[in-house]
Amino acid sequence: MVQRGYKAWCERIAEQYRSKLGLAKIAPLCAWKLAEHLKVKVWMIDEIPGLPKETLAHLVGPGQSMWSAATLLHKEEVLVILNSSHSKARLSNDLMHELAHLICGHKPARVDITEDGLMILRSYDKNQEDEADLLGHILLLPRVALVHIKSRGMTIKNAAKEYEVSEQLMTMRLNTSGVNKQFKYKSY
């Protein structure tokens, strides 16, 4: 459960990052462009140099449902590794979720450090996961954009394609933001 006022803060953050990137309040926000703005490197799992073929085959094969993204820190550099077996819409959501952790300044509940000093962020507590989920979703689909989508009469499919998110995420945001209810009452 997120704190009172957190949703409003997320909406302001979504607007601020769009402004910093020269985007309109209702414009889609590309997770990769935000990562670039935040100076976060993004790799697909198959771009990791020296990763054994067997490990890669497992991570994008039988083990693909066990992970979505990992954030690595080395000194001051941040790298997000994404599961290349997922859809583009899923990758966008996964990357935005990882960026949300960084924007919020979340500290991981567990950190593993490899022999060469590479820190791998492993897990956050439930509250931080909830916060990153909500901020990530709002960065992708702020309420003002959802109102714009509904006022244009866009289908879920077309809106999801335009904003590069899944239809499930689009539907969920329209419902949880109250926009669907708002437009339902306007039609009476």
N, C-alpha and C. Protein backbone atom coordinates (compact mmCIF):
# COMPACT_ATOMS: atom_id res chain seq x y z
N MET A 1 0.85 -1.18 0.00
CA MET A 1 0.00 0.00 0.00
C MET A 1 0.90 1.24 0.00
N VAL A 2 0.66 2.12 -0.93
CA VAL A 2 1.47 3.35 -1.02
C VAL A 2 0.89 4.43 -0.11
N GLN A 3 1.73 5.37 0.26
CA GLN A 3 1.33 6.44 1.16
C GLN A 3 0.32 7.38 0.50
N ARG A 4 -0.44 8.02 1.34
CA ARG A 4 -1.38 9.05 0.87
C ARG A 4 -0.58 10.14 0.15
N GLY A 5 -1.05 10.55 -1.00
CA GLY A 5 -0.38 11.59 -1.78
C GLY A 5 0.64 11.08 -2.78
N TYR A 6 0.95 9.78 -2.71
CA TYR A 6 1.98 9.22 -3.59
C TYR A 6 1.55 9.24 -5.06
N LYS A 7 0.29 8.94 -5.33
CA LYS A 7 -0.19 8.96 -6.71
C LYS A 7 -0.06 10.36 -7.32
N ALA A 8 -0.43 11.36 -6.55
CA ALA A 8 -0.31 12.75 -7.04
C ALA A 8 1.15 13.09 -7.30
N TRP A 9 2.04 12.64 -6.42
CA TRP A 9 3.47 12.87 -6.63
C TRP A 9 3.93 12.20 -7.93
N CYS A 10 3.47 10.98 -8.16
CA CYS A 10 3.83 10.25 -9.39
C CYS A 10 3.37 11.02 -10.63
N GLU A 11 2.17 11.56 -10.57
CA GLU A 11 1.64 12.34 -11.70
C GLU A 11 2.53 13.56 -11.96
N ARG A 12 2.97 14.23 -10.89
CA ARG A 12 3.86 15.39 -11.05
C ARG A 12 5.20 14.98 -11.63
N ILE A 13 5.73 13.85 -11.18
CA ILE A 13 7.01 13.35 -11.70
C ILE A 13 6.87 13.03 -13.19
N ALA A 14 5.78 12.39 -13.59
CA ALA A 14 5.55 12.05 -15.00
C ALA A 14 5.51 13.33 -15.84
N GLU A 15 4.85 14.35 -15.33
CA GLU A 15 4.78 15.62 -16.05
C GLU A 15 6.17 16.28 -16.13
N GLN A 16 6.92 16.25 -15.03
CA GLN A 16 8.25 16.86 -15.00
C GLN A 16 9.20 16.20 -16.00
N TYR A 17 9.20 14.87 -16.05
CA TYR A 17 10.11 14.20 -16.99
C TYR A 17 9.70 14.44 -18.44
N ARG A 18 8.41 14.50 -18.71
CA ARG A 18 7.98 14.84 -20.07
C ARG A 18 8.47 16.25 -20.43
N SER A 19 8.34 17.16 -19.51
CA SER A 19 8.79 18.53 -19.74
C SER A 19 10.31 18.57 -19.99
N LYS A 20 11.07 17.88 -19.17
CA LYS A 20 12.53 17.85 -19.33
C LYS A 20 12.94 17.26 -20.69
N LEU A 21 12.13 16.35 -21.20
CA LEU A 21 12.43 15.71 -22.49
C LEU A 21 11.74 16.42 -23.66
N GLY A 22 11.10 17.56 -23.39
CA GLY A 22 10.47 18.34 -24.45
C GLY A 22 9.20 17.72 -24.99
N LEU A 23 8.50 16.96 -24.16
CA LEU A 23 7.28 16.27 -24.59
C LEU A 23 6.05 16.96 -24.01
N ALA A 24 4.96 16.83 -24.71
CA ALA A 24 3.68 17.32 -24.20
C ALA A 24 3.24 16.44 -23.03
N LYS A 25 2.37 16.96 -22.18
CA LYS A 25 1.89 16.21 -21.01
C LYS A 25 1.21 14.91 -21.40
N ILE A 26 0.61 14.88 -22.59
CA ILE A 26 -0.14 13.70 -23.02
C ILE A 26 0.67 12.79 -23.94
N ALA A 27 1.90 13.16 -24.23
CA ALA A 27 2.72 12.39 -25.17
C ALA A 27 3.22 11.09 -24.54
N PRO A 28 3.37 10.06 -25.37
CA PRO A 28 4.01 8.84 -24.86
C PRO A 28 5.43 9.15 -24.38
N LEU A 29 5.83 8.49 -23.30
CA LEU A 29 7.18 8.64 -22.77
C LEU A 29 7.92 7.33 -22.98
N CYS A 30 8.91 7.36 -23.85
CA CYS A 30 9.70 6.17 -24.17
C CYS A 30 10.63 5.85 -23.00
N ALA A 31 10.53 4.65 -22.49
CA ALA A 31 11.36 4.24 -21.35
C ALA A 31 12.85 4.33 -21.69
N TRP A 32 13.22 4.03 -22.93
CA TRP A 32 14.63 4.06 -23.34
C TRP A 32 15.14 5.50 -23.39
N LYS A 33 14.29 6.43 -23.79
CA LYS A 33 14.70 7.84 -23.80
C LYS A 33 14.85 8.36 -22.37
N LEU A 34 13.97 7.92 -21.49
CA LEU A 34 14.10 8.32 -20.09
C LEU A 34 15.37 7.72 -19.50
N ALA A 35 15.67 6.48 -19.82
CA ALA A 35 16.90 5.85 -19.34
C ALA A 35 18.12 6.64 -19.81
N GLU A 36 18.11 7.02 -21.06
CA GLU A 36 19.22 7.81 -21.61
C GLU A 36 19.33 9.14 -20.86
N HIS A 37 18.21 9.80 -20.62
CA HIS A 37 18.19 11.06 -19.88
C HIS A 37 18.77 10.88 -18.48
N LEU A 38 18.46 9.75 -17.85
CA LEU A 38 18.93 9.46 -16.50
C LEU A 38 20.34 8.87 -16.49
N LYS A 39 20.93 8.72 -17.68
CA LYS A 39 22.27 8.16 -17.84
C LYS A 39 22.35 6.71 -17.35
N VAL A 40 21.30 5.96 -17.65
CA VAL A 40 21.23 4.54 -17.32
C VAL A 40 21.44 3.77 -18.61
N LYS A 41 22.40 2.86 -18.61
CA LYS A 41 22.62 2.00 -19.77
C LYS A 41 21.59 0.87 -19.75
N VAL A 42 21.14 0.48 -20.93
CA VAL A 42 20.16 -0.60 -21.04
C VAL A 42 20.70 -1.64 -22.02
N TRP A 43 20.76 -2.87 -21.56
CA TRP A 43 21.18 -3.99 -22.40
C TRP A 43 20.11 -5.06 -22.38
N MET A 44 19.99 -5.75 -23.47
CA MET A 44 19.22 -6.98 -23.50
C MET A 44 20.15 -8.08 -22.97
N ILE A 45 19.59 -9.11 -22.42
CA ILE A 45 20.39 -10.18 -21.83
C ILE A 45 21.38 -10.77 -22.84
N ASP A 46 20.98 -10.82 -24.11
CA ASP A 46 21.86 -11.41 -25.12
C ASP A 46 22.98 -10.47 -25.56
N GLU A 47 23.03 -9.26 -25.00
CA GLU A 47 24.10 -8.31 -25.30
C GLU A 47 25.24 -8.36 -24.28
N ILE A 48 25.08 -9.18 -23.25
CA ILE A 48 26.11 -9.26 -22.21
C ILE A 48 27.31 -10.02 -22.76
N PRO A 49 28.46 -9.35 -22.80
CA PRO A 49 29.65 -10.03 -23.33
C PRO A 49 30.09 -11.18 -22.42
N GLY A 50 30.41 -12.29 -23.04
CA GLY A 50 30.96 -13.43 -22.30
C GLY A 50 29.94 -14.26 -21.56
N LEU A 51 28.65 -13.95 -21.70
CA LEU A 51 27.63 -14.76 -21.03
C LEU A 51 27.60 -16.14 -21.69
N PRO A 52 27.81 -17.20 -20.93
CA PRO A 52 27.80 -18.54 -21.52
C PRO A 52 26.50 -18.82 -22.27
N LYS A 53 26.61 -19.49 -23.40
CA LYS A 53 25.43 -19.80 -24.23
C LYS A 53 24.38 -20.59 -23.46
N GLU A 54 24.82 -21.49 -22.60
CA GLU A 54 23.88 -22.31 -21.82
C GLU A 54 23.08 -21.44 -20.86
N THR A 55 23.75 -20.47 -20.25
CA THR A 55 23.07 -19.55 -19.32
C THR A 55 22.05 -18.71 -20.07
N LEU A 56 22.46 -18.15 -21.20
CA LEU A 56 21.54 -17.35 -22.02
C LEU A 56 20.35 -18.18 -22.45
N ALA A 57 20.61 -19.40 -22.92
CA ALA A 57 19.53 -20.27 -23.38
C ALA A 57 18.52 -20.52 -22.25
N HIS A 58 19.02 -20.69 -21.03
CA HIS A 58 18.11 -20.91 -19.90
C HIS A 58 17.32 -19.63 -19.57
N LEU A 59 18.01 -18.48 -19.56
CA LEU A 59 17.36 -17.24 -19.16
C LEU A 59 16.29 -16.76 -20.14
N VAL A 60 16.44 -17.08 -21.42
CA VAL A 60 15.42 -16.70 -22.40
C VAL A 60 14.56 -17.89 -22.82
N GLY A 61 14.85 -19.05 -22.25
CA GLY A 61 14.08 -20.27 -22.53
C GLY A 61 13.28 -20.68 -21.32
N PRO A 62 13.63 -21.83 -20.73
CA PRO A 62 12.87 -22.34 -19.58
C PRO A 62 12.79 -21.39 -18.39
N GLY A 63 13.80 -20.55 -18.20
CA GLY A 63 13.82 -19.64 -17.06
C GLY A 63 13.27 -18.26 -17.33
N GLN A 64 12.73 -18.04 -18.52
CA GLN A 64 12.29 -16.68 -18.89
C GLN A 64 11.18 -16.12 -18.01
N SER A 65 10.34 -16.96 -17.48
CA SER A 65 9.24 -16.46 -16.65
C SER A 65 9.69 -16.15 -15.22
N MET A 66 10.93 -16.46 -14.89
CA MET A 66 11.43 -16.26 -13.53
C MET A 66 12.06 -14.89 -13.32
N TRP A 67 12.23 -14.13 -14.42
CA TRP A 67 12.85 -12.81 -14.26
C TRP A 67 12.43 -11.90 -15.41
N SER A 68 12.49 -10.61 -15.15
CA SER A 68 12.14 -9.62 -16.17
C SER A 68 13.28 -8.65 -16.42
N ALA A 69 13.89 -8.18 -15.33
CA ALA A 69 14.94 -7.18 -15.45
C ALA A 69 15.84 -7.26 -14.22
N ALA A 70 17.05 -6.78 -14.40
CA ALA A 70 18.00 -6.69 -13.28
C ALA A 70 18.73 -5.37 -13.40
N THR A 71 18.96 -4.73 -12.27
CA THR A 71 19.71 -3.49 -12.24
C THR A 71 21.06 -3.76 -11.61
N LEU A 72 22.10 -3.36 -12.31
CA LEU A 72 23.46 -3.55 -11.83
C LEU A 72 24.08 -2.19 -11.58
N LEU A 73 24.85 -2.11 -10.52
CA LEU A 73 25.58 -0.89 -10.19
C LEU A 73 27.06 -1.21 -10.12
N HIS A 74 27.85 -0.38 -10.74
CA HIS A 74 29.30 -0.49 -10.61
C HIS A 74 29.83 0.92 -10.47
N LYS A 75 30.33 1.22 -9.28
CA LYS A 75 30.76 2.58 -8.96
C LYS A 75 29.56 3.50 -9.16
N GLU A 76 29.64 4.43 -10.09
CA GLU A 76 28.52 5.36 -10.32
C GLU A 76 27.68 5.00 -11.54
N GLU A 77 28.03 3.92 -12.23
CA GLU A 77 27.29 3.54 -13.44
C GLU A 77 26.15 2.60 -13.11
N VAL A 78 25.03 2.82 -13.79
CA VAL A 78 23.84 1.98 -13.61
C VAL A 78 23.55 1.31 -14.94
N LEU A 79 23.32 0.01 -14.88
CA LEU A 79 22.98 -0.78 -16.06
C LEU A 79 21.74 -1.59 -15.75
N VAL A 80 20.76 -1.50 -16.64
CA VAL A 80 19.56 -2.34 -16.52
C VAL A 80 19.64 -3.39 -17.61
N ILE A 81 19.49 -4.64 -17.22
CA ILE A 81 19.49 -5.75 -18.17
C ILE A 81 18.06 -6.26 -18.26
N LEU A 82 17.58 -6.37 -19.52
CA LEU A 82 16.20 -6.79 -19.76
C LEU A 82 16.15 -8.17 -20.39
N ASN A 83 15.07 -8.86 -20.13
CA ASN A 83 14.83 -10.19 -20.68
C ASN A 83 14.34 -10.06 -22.12
N SER A 84 15.21 -10.35 -23.07
CA SER A 84 14.90 -10.15 -24.50
C SER A 84 13.81 -11.08 -25.03
N SER A 85 13.38 -12.04 -24.23
CA SER A 85 12.31 -12.94 -24.69
C SER A 85 10.93 -12.32 -24.50
N HIS A 86 10.85 -11.18 -23.82
CA HIS A 86 9.56 -10.54 -23.58
C HIS A 86 9.18 -9.59 -24.72
N SER A 87 7.89 -9.28 -24.81
CA SER A 87 7.39 -8.37 -25.84
C SER A 87 7.91 -6.96 -25.61
N LYS A 88 7.85 -6.13 -26.65
CA LYS A 88 8.31 -4.74 -26.53
C LYS A 88 7.51 -3.99 -25.47
N ALA A 89 6.21 -4.23 -25.41
CA ALA A 89 5.37 -3.58 -24.40
C ALA A 89 5.80 -4.00 -22.99
N ARG A 90 6.09 -5.26 -22.81
CA ARG A 90 6.54 -5.76 -21.50
C ARG A 90 7.91 -5.18 -21.15
N LEU A 91 8.80 -5.12 -22.14
CA LEU A 91 10.14 -4.55 -21.91
C LEU A 91 10.04 -3.10 -21.48
N SER A 92 9.13 -2.35 -22.10
CA SER A 92 8.93 -0.95 -21.75
C SER A 92 8.49 -0.82 -20.30
N ASN A 93 7.55 -1.64 -19.89
CA ASN A 93 7.06 -1.63 -18.52
C ASN A 93 8.16 -2.06 -17.55
N ASP A 94 8.90 -3.11 -17.90
CA ASP A 94 9.98 -3.59 -17.02
C ASP A 94 11.06 -2.53 -16.84
N LEU A 95 11.45 -1.88 -17.92
CA LEU A 95 12.47 -0.84 -17.84
C LEU A 95 11.96 0.34 -17.01
N MET A 96 10.72 0.75 -17.24
CA MET A 96 10.17 1.88 -16.50
C MET A 96 10.09 1.55 -15.01
N HIS A 97 9.79 0.30 -14.68
CA HIS A 97 9.76 -0.14 -13.28
C HIS A 97 11.14 0.02 -12.64
N GLU A 98 12.18 -0.42 -13.35
CA GLU A 98 13.54 -0.29 -12.82
C GLU A 98 13.94 1.18 -12.68
N LEU A 99 13.57 2.00 -13.65
CA LEU A 99 13.86 3.44 -13.58
C LEU A 99 13.11 4.08 -12.42
N ALA A 100 11.90 3.60 -12.15
CA ALA A 100 11.10 4.13 -11.04
C ALA A 100 11.81 3.88 -9.71
N HIS A 101 12.40 2.70 -9.54
CA HIS A 101 13.18 2.44 -8.32
C HIS A 101 14.29 3.48 -8.17
N LEU A 102 14.96 3.78 -9.27
CA LEU A 102 16.07 4.75 -9.22
C LEU A 102 15.56 6.15 -8.93
N ILE A 103 14.46 6.56 -9.60
CA ILE A 103 13.88 7.89 -9.38
C ILE A 103 13.46 8.05 -7.92
N CYS A 104 12.90 7.00 -7.34
CA CYS A 104 12.46 7.05 -5.95
C CYS A 104 13.62 6.97 -4.96
N GLY A 105 14.80 6.60 -5.44
CA GLY A 105 15.94 6.46 -4.54
C GLY A 105 15.83 5.24 -3.64
N HIS A 106 15.13 4.22 -4.12
CA HIS A 106 14.96 3.01 -3.32
C HIS A 106 16.29 2.32 -3.06
N LYS A 107 16.43 1.84 -1.88
CA LYS A 107 17.59 1.03 -1.51
C LYS A 107 17.13 -0.43 -1.47
N PRO A 108 17.87 -1.30 -2.12
CA PRO A 108 17.44 -2.70 -2.16
C PRO A 108 17.47 -3.34 -0.77
N ALA A 109 16.56 -4.28 -0.56
CA ALA A 109 16.51 -5.02 0.69
C ALA A 109 17.66 -6.02 0.74
N ARG A 110 18.11 -6.45 -0.43
CA ARG A 110 19.20 -7.42 -0.51
C ARG A 110 20.11 -7.01 -1.66
N VAL A 111 21.42 -7.03 -1.42
CA VAL A 111 22.40 -6.70 -2.45
C VAL A 111 23.44 -7.80 -2.47
N ASP A 112 23.73 -8.31 -3.66
CA ASP A 112 24.82 -9.27 -3.83
C ASP A 112 25.99 -8.55 -4.46
N ILE A 113 27.18 -8.84 -3.97
CA ILE A 113 28.39 -8.23 -4.53
C ILE A 113 29.27 -9.34 -5.08
N THR A 114 29.62 -9.22 -6.36
CA THR A 114 30.48 -10.22 -6.99
C THR A 114 31.93 -9.97 -6.61
N GLU A 115 32.79 -10.91 -6.95
CA GLU A 115 34.21 -10.81 -6.60
C GLU A 115 34.87 -9.56 -7.16
N ASP A 116 34.42 -9.10 -8.32
CA ASP A 116 35.05 -7.91 -8.92
C ASP A 116 34.41 -6.60 -8.43
N GLY A 117 33.54 -6.69 -7.43
CA GLY A 117 32.97 -5.48 -6.85
C GLY A 117 31.70 -5.01 -7.52
N LEU A 118 31.18 -5.77 -8.48
CA LEU A 118 29.94 -5.42 -9.16
C LEU A 118 28.79 -5.69 -8.19
N MET A 119 27.97 -4.70 -7.96
CA MET A 119 26.83 -4.89 -7.06
C MET A 119 25.59 -5.19 -7.90
N ILE A 120 24.93 -6.25 -7.56
CA ILE A 120 23.72 -6.64 -8.27
C ILE A 120 22.54 -6.42 -7.32
N LEU A 121 21.64 -5.52 -7.70
CA LEU A 121 20.46 -5.30 -6.88
C LEU A 121 19.51 -6.46 -7.08
N ARG A 122 19.13 -7.09 -6.02
CA ARG A 122 18.32 -8.29 -6.13
C ARG A 122 16.85 -8.09 -5.78
N SER A 123 16.61 -7.48 -4.65
CA SER A 123 15.21 -7.41 -4.26
C SER A 123 14.94 -6.16 -3.43
N TYR A 124 13.72 -5.70 -3.54
CA TYR A 124 13.23 -4.57 -2.77
C TYR A 124 12.10 -5.08 -1.89
N ASP A 125 11.77 -4.33 -0.85
CA ASP A 125 10.66 -4.76 -0.02
C ASP A 125 9.34 -4.51 -0.78
N LYS A 126 8.29 -5.10 -0.27
CA LYS A 126 6.99 -5.04 -0.96
C LYS A 126 6.52 -3.61 -1.18
N ASN A 127 6.69 -2.74 -0.20
CA ASN A 127 6.25 -1.35 -0.35
C ASN A 127 7.00 -0.66 -1.49
N GLN A 128 8.31 -0.88 -1.57
CA GLN A 128 9.10 -0.28 -2.64
C GLN A 128 8.70 -0.85 -4.00
N GLU A 129 8.39 -2.13 -4.06
CA GLU A 129 7.91 -2.73 -5.31
C GLU A 129 6.60 -2.10 -5.73
N ASP A 130 5.69 -1.91 -4.78
CA ASP A 130 4.40 -1.28 -5.08
C ASP A 130 4.61 0.16 -5.59
N GLU A 131 5.51 0.88 -4.93
CA GLU A 131 5.80 2.25 -5.36
C GLU A 131 6.38 2.29 -6.76
N ALA A 132 7.33 1.39 -7.04
CA ALA A 132 7.95 1.36 -8.37
C ALA A 132 6.94 0.95 -9.44
N ASP A 133 6.07 0.01 -9.10
CA ASP A 133 5.01 -0.38 -10.05
C ASP A 133 4.15 0.83 -10.40
N LEU A 134 3.66 1.52 -9.37
CA LEU A 134 2.76 2.64 -9.61
C LEU A 134 3.46 3.77 -10.35
N LEU A 135 4.66 4.15 -9.92
CA LEU A 135 5.37 5.22 -10.62
C LEU A 135 5.67 4.82 -12.06
N GLY A 136 6.12 3.60 -12.27
CA GLY A 136 6.39 3.13 -13.63
C GLY A 136 5.15 3.20 -14.51
N HIS A 137 4.02 2.77 -13.97
CA HIS A 137 2.77 2.80 -14.73
C HIS A 137 2.34 4.23 -15.04
N ILE A 138 2.49 5.12 -14.07
CA ILE A 138 2.09 6.51 -14.28
C ILE A 138 3.06 7.23 -15.21
N LEU A 139 4.34 6.91 -15.15
CA LEU A 139 5.28 7.48 -16.11
C LEU A 139 4.87 7.12 -17.53
N LEU A 140 4.46 5.88 -17.72
CA LEU A 140 4.03 5.42 -19.05
C LEU A 140 2.66 5.98 -19.42
N LEU A 141 1.75 6.03 -18.45
CA LEU A 141 0.36 6.40 -18.71
C LEU A 141 -0.18 7.33 -17.63
N PRO A 142 0.21 8.60 -17.66
CA PRO A 142 -0.32 9.53 -16.66
C PRO A 142 -1.82 9.75 -16.89
N ARG A 143 -2.50 10.18 -15.87
CA ARG A 143 -3.95 10.37 -15.95
C ARG A 143 -4.34 11.32 -17.07
N VAL A 144 -3.59 12.39 -17.25
CA VAL A 144 -3.92 13.36 -18.31
C VAL A 144 -3.89 12.69 -19.69
N ALA A 145 -2.98 11.76 -19.89
CA ALA A 145 -2.92 11.04 -21.17
C ALA A 145 -4.12 10.09 -21.30
N LEU A 146 -4.51 9.48 -20.19
CA LEU A 146 -5.66 8.57 -20.22
C LEU A 146 -6.94 9.32 -20.55
N VAL A 147 -7.09 10.52 -19.99
CA VAL A 147 -8.26 11.36 -20.31
C VAL A 147 -8.24 11.71 -21.80
N HIS A 148 -7.07 12.03 -22.31
CA HIS A 148 -6.90 12.34 -23.73
C HIS A 148 -7.30 11.13 -24.59
N ILE A 149 -6.86 9.97 -24.21
CA ILE A 149 -7.17 8.73 -24.94
C ILE A 149 -8.68 8.50 -24.97
N LYS A 150 -9.33 8.63 -23.82
CA LYS A 150 -10.78 8.40 -23.75
C LYS A 150 -11.55 9.47 -24.53
N SER A 151 -11.09 10.73 -24.44
CA SER A 151 -11.81 11.80 -25.13
C SER A 151 -11.69 11.67 -26.64
N ARG A 152 -10.64 11.05 -27.11
CA ARG A 152 -10.48 10.79 -28.55
C ARG A 152 -11.23 9.54 -28.99
N GLY A 153 -11.74 8.78 -28.05
CA GLY A 153 -12.47 7.56 -28.39
C GLY A 153 -11.56 6.45 -28.91
N MET A 154 -10.30 6.47 -28.51
CA MET A 154 -9.36 5.45 -28.98
C MET A 154 -9.71 4.09 -28.41
N THR A 155 -9.47 3.06 -29.18
CA THR A 155 -9.63 1.70 -28.67
C THR A 155 -8.45 1.37 -27.76
N ILE A 156 -8.65 0.39 -26.91
CA ILE A 156 -7.57 -0.06 -26.02
C ILE A 156 -6.38 -0.50 -26.87
N LYS A 157 -6.65 -1.23 -27.91
CA LYS A 157 -5.58 -1.75 -28.77
C LYS A 157 -4.76 -0.61 -29.40
N ASN A 158 -5.44 0.38 -29.97
CA ASN A 158 -4.73 1.49 -30.61
C ASN A 158 -3.99 2.36 -29.60
N ALA A 159 -4.61 2.58 -28.45
CA ALA A 159 -3.96 3.38 -27.41
C ALA A 159 -2.72 2.67 -26.87
N ALA A 160 -2.84 1.37 -26.66
CA ALA A 160 -1.69 0.59 -26.18
C ALA A 160 -0.55 0.63 -27.19
N LYS A 161 -0.89 0.53 -28.44
CA LYS A 161 0.14 0.57 -29.49
C LYS A 161 0.82 1.95 -29.51
N GLU A 162 0.03 3.02 -29.44
CA GLU A 162 0.59 4.37 -29.48
C GLU A 162 1.51 4.64 -28.29
N TYR A 163 1.14 4.13 -27.11
CA TYR A 163 1.92 4.38 -25.90
C TYR A 163 2.93 3.27 -25.61
N GLU A 164 3.00 2.29 -26.50
CA GLU A 164 3.95 1.17 -26.40
C GLU A 164 3.85 0.44 -25.06
N VAL A 165 2.62 0.13 -24.69
CA VAL A 165 2.34 -0.64 -23.48
C VAL A 165 1.42 -1.80 -23.87
N SER A 166 1.25 -2.73 -22.95
CA SER A 166 0.34 -3.84 -23.22
C SER A 166 -1.11 -3.38 -23.10
N GLU A 167 -1.99 -4.10 -23.73
CA GLU A 167 -3.42 -3.80 -23.60
C GLU A 167 -3.87 -3.99 -22.15
N GLN A 168 -3.26 -4.96 -21.47
CA GLN A 168 -3.61 -5.21 -20.07
C GLN A 168 -3.24 -4.01 -19.20
N LEU A 169 -2.05 -3.43 -19.43
CA LEU A 169 -1.65 -2.27 -18.65
C LEU A 169 -2.54 -1.07 -18.96
N MET A 170 -2.87 -0.88 -20.23
CA MET A 170 -3.75 0.22 -20.62
C MET A 170 -5.10 0.08 -19.90
N THR A 171 -5.67 -1.10 -19.93
CA THR A 171 -6.96 -1.35 -19.29
C THR A 171 -6.87 -1.13 -17.79
N MET A 172 -5.82 -1.65 -17.18
CA MET A 172 -5.64 -1.50 -15.74
C MET A 172 -5.53 -0.03 -15.35
N ARG A 173 -4.75 0.75 -16.09
CA ARG A 173 -4.58 2.18 -15.76
C ARG A 173 -5.89 2.95 -15.97
N LEU A 174 -6.63 2.64 -17.02
CA LEU A 174 -7.91 3.31 -17.24
C LEU A 174 -8.87 3.04 -16.08
N ASN A 175 -8.81 1.83 -15.55
CA ASN A 175 -9.68 1.46 -14.43
C ASN A 175 -9.20 2.05 -13.11
N THR A 176 -7.92 1.87 -12.78
CA THR A 176 -7.41 2.29 -11.47
C THR A 176 -7.27 3.81 -11.34
N SER A 177 -7.17 4.50 -12.45
CA SER A 177 -7.05 5.97 -12.41
C SER A 177 -8.40 6.64 -12.23
N GLY A 178 -9.47 5.89 -12.44
CA GLY A 178 -10.82 6.46 -12.35
C GLY A 178 -11.30 7.07 -13.65
N VAL A 179 -10.47 7.02 -14.69
CA VAL A 179 -10.84 7.64 -15.97
C VAL A 179 -12.02 6.92 -16.61
N ASN A 180 -12.04 5.58 -16.57
CA ASN A 180 -13.18 4.86 -17.15
C ASN A 180 -14.48 5.25 -16.45
N LYS A 181 -14.42 5.35 -15.12
CA LYS A 181 -15.61 5.72 -14.35
C LYS A 181 -16.03 7.15 -14.69
N GLN A 182 -15.07 8.03 -14.80
CA GLN A 182 -15.35 9.44 -15.15
C GLN A 182 -16.08 9.53 -16.49
N PHE A 183 -15.62 8.79 -17.47
CA PHE A 183 -16.24 8.85 -18.80
C PHE A 183 -17.55 8.08 -18.84
N LYS A 184 -17.71 7.08 -18.00
CA LYS A 184 -18.98 6.35 -17.93
C LYS A 184 -20.07 7.30 -17.46
N TYR A 185 -19.77 8.11 -16.43
CA TYR A 185 -20.77 9.04 -15.90
C TYR A 185 -21.02 10.20 -16.87
N LYS A 186 -20.03 10.57 -17.67
CA LYS A 186 -20.25 11.63 -18.65
C LYS A 186 -21.23 11.21 -19.73
N SER A 187 -21.32 9.91 -19.99
CA SER A 187 -22.19 9.43 -21.07
C SER A 187 -23.66 9.36 -20.66
N TYR A 188 -23.96 9.54 -19.39
CA TYR A 188 -25.36 9.51 -18.94
C TYR A 188 -26.03 10.82 -19.12
